[in-house]
Amino acid sequence: MDDHRHLVPLVDALLAAGNALEPHPATEEPFRPSQGGYYCQLTKPIDFRILRGVPLDDKVHLVEQADYIWCDHCWAEIRGGGHQQAETG
């Protein structure tokens, strides 16, 4: 884990509440590298109510309408199962 370690408690809370990690053939770690930074892919939509009691850094953003969480410090994302990647063209 790199500097996205502060996001692990959010993932842990979501997993404890019944969400799951999308399987990945190369790793069992929750965060995986990509060209844009680290990401964690969940199988179900994020239940943002679970995170209301978790202390968040002011650089961590809950983006409920797009079903993801991102940090503008480390550029890591937690993507819910309903998250749609933006189309590039």
Protein backbone atom coordinates (compact mmCIF):
# COMPACT_ATOMS: atom_id res chain seq x y z
CA MET A 1 0.00 0.00 0.00
CA ASP A 2 1.22 3.46 -0.81
CA ASP A 3 -0.18 6.79 0.32
CA HIS A 4 -3.78 5.61 -0.16
CA ARG A 5 -3.64 3.67 3.13
CA HIS A 6 -6.00 6.21 4.77
CA LEU A 7 -8.81 4.94 2.50
CA VAL A 8 -8.59 1.34 3.75
CA PRO A 9 -10.92 1.98 6.75
CA LEU A 10 -13.61 3.09 4.29
CA VAL A 11 -13.20 -0.09 2.26
CA ASP A 12 -13.19 -2.17 5.46
CA ALA A 13 -16.44 -0.55 6.64
CA LEU A 14 -18.10 -1.20 3.29
CA LEU A 15 -16.92 -4.82 3.20
CA ALA A 16 -18.09 -5.39 6.79
CA ALA A 17 -21.54 -4.11 5.76
CA GLY A 18 -21.85 -6.68 2.97
CA ASN A 19 -20.13 -5.24 -0.09
CA ALA A 20 -17.34 -7.25 -1.78
CA LEU A 21 -14.23 -6.67 -3.83
CA GLU A 22 -14.45 -7.29 -7.55
CA PRO A 23 -12.14 -10.29 -8.13
CA HIS A 24 -8.85 -9.56 -9.86
CA PRO A 25 -6.60 -12.24 -11.37
CA ALA A 26 -3.32 -10.66 -10.24
CA THR A 27 -3.95 -9.57 -6.64
CA GLU A 28 -6.13 -9.95 -3.58
CA GLU A 29 -5.26 -6.43 -2.39
CA PRO A 30 -8.22 -4.02 -2.26
CA PHE A 31 -6.38 -1.29 -4.22
CA ARG A 32 -4.98 -1.97 -7.67
CA PRO A 33 -2.75 0.26 -9.79
CA SER A 34 -3.94 1.89 -12.99
CA GLN A 35 -2.59 4.61 -15.25
CA GLY A 36 -4.61 7.20 -13.33
CA GLY A 37 -3.68 6.02 -9.83
CA TYR A 38 -4.87 3.33 -7.45
CA TYR A 39 -8.47 2.16 -7.41
CA CYS A 40 -10.61 -0.28 -5.44
CA GLN A 41 -13.53 -1.85 -7.32
CA LEU A 42 -16.53 -3.05 -5.32
CA THR A 43 -19.23 -5.39 -6.63
CA LYS A 44 -22.23 -3.53 -5.17
CA PRO A 45 -23.12 0.18 -5.09
CA ILE A 46 -21.60 2.08 -2.18
CA ASP A 47 -23.91 2.50 0.80
CA PHE A 48 -22.84 6.02 1.74
CA ARG A 49 -24.90 5.90 4.97
CA ILE A 50 -22.29 3.50 6.37
CA LEU A 51 -19.57 6.11 5.93
CA ARG A 52 -21.39 8.95 7.71
CA GLY A 53 -19.74 8.06 11.04
CA VAL A 54 -16.26 7.46 9.63
CA PRO A 55 -13.91 10.43 10.01
CA LEU A 56 -12.86 11.72 6.59
CA ASP A 57 -9.95 13.86 5.55
CA ASP A 58 -11.05 17.04 3.74
CA LYS A 59 -9.35 15.72 0.59
CA VAL A 60 -11.63 12.65 0.48
CA HIS A 61 -14.79 13.23 -1.54
CA LEU A 62 -17.96 11.13 -1.45
CA VAL A 63 -19.49 11.36 -4.92
CA GLU A 64 -22.83 9.69 -4.29
CA GLN A 65 -24.47 10.48 -7.65
CA ALA A 66 -21.61 8.72 -9.51
CA ASP A 67 -21.10 5.90 -6.93
CA TYR A 68 -17.48 6.51 -6.06
CA ILE A 69 -15.12 8.02 -3.51
CA TRP A 70 -11.91 9.76 -4.46
CA CYS A 71 -9.01 11.46 -2.76
CA ASP A 72 -7.45 14.51 -4.35
CA HIS A 73 -4.28 14.00 -2.31
CA CYS A 74 -3.32 10.52 -3.55
CA TRP A 75 -5.67 10.26 -6.58
CA ALA A 76 -7.03 6.92 -5.41
CA GLU A 77 -10.66 5.91 -6.00
CA ILE A 78 -13.13 3.52 -4.42
CA ARG A 79 -15.64 2.59 -7.12
CA GLY A 80 -19.02 1.14 -6.29
CA GLY A 81 -20.69 -1.47 -8.47
CA GLY A 82 -22.85 1.22 -10.10
CA HIS A 83 -19.91 3.46 -11.08
CA GLN A 84 -19.63 4.11 -14.79
CA GLN A 85 -16.30 5.16 -16.26
CA ALA A 86 -16.44 8.32 -18.33
CA GLU A 87 -16.28 7.63 -22.03
CA THR A 88 -13.21 8.98 -23.76
CA GLY A 89 -13.41 9.90 -27.36
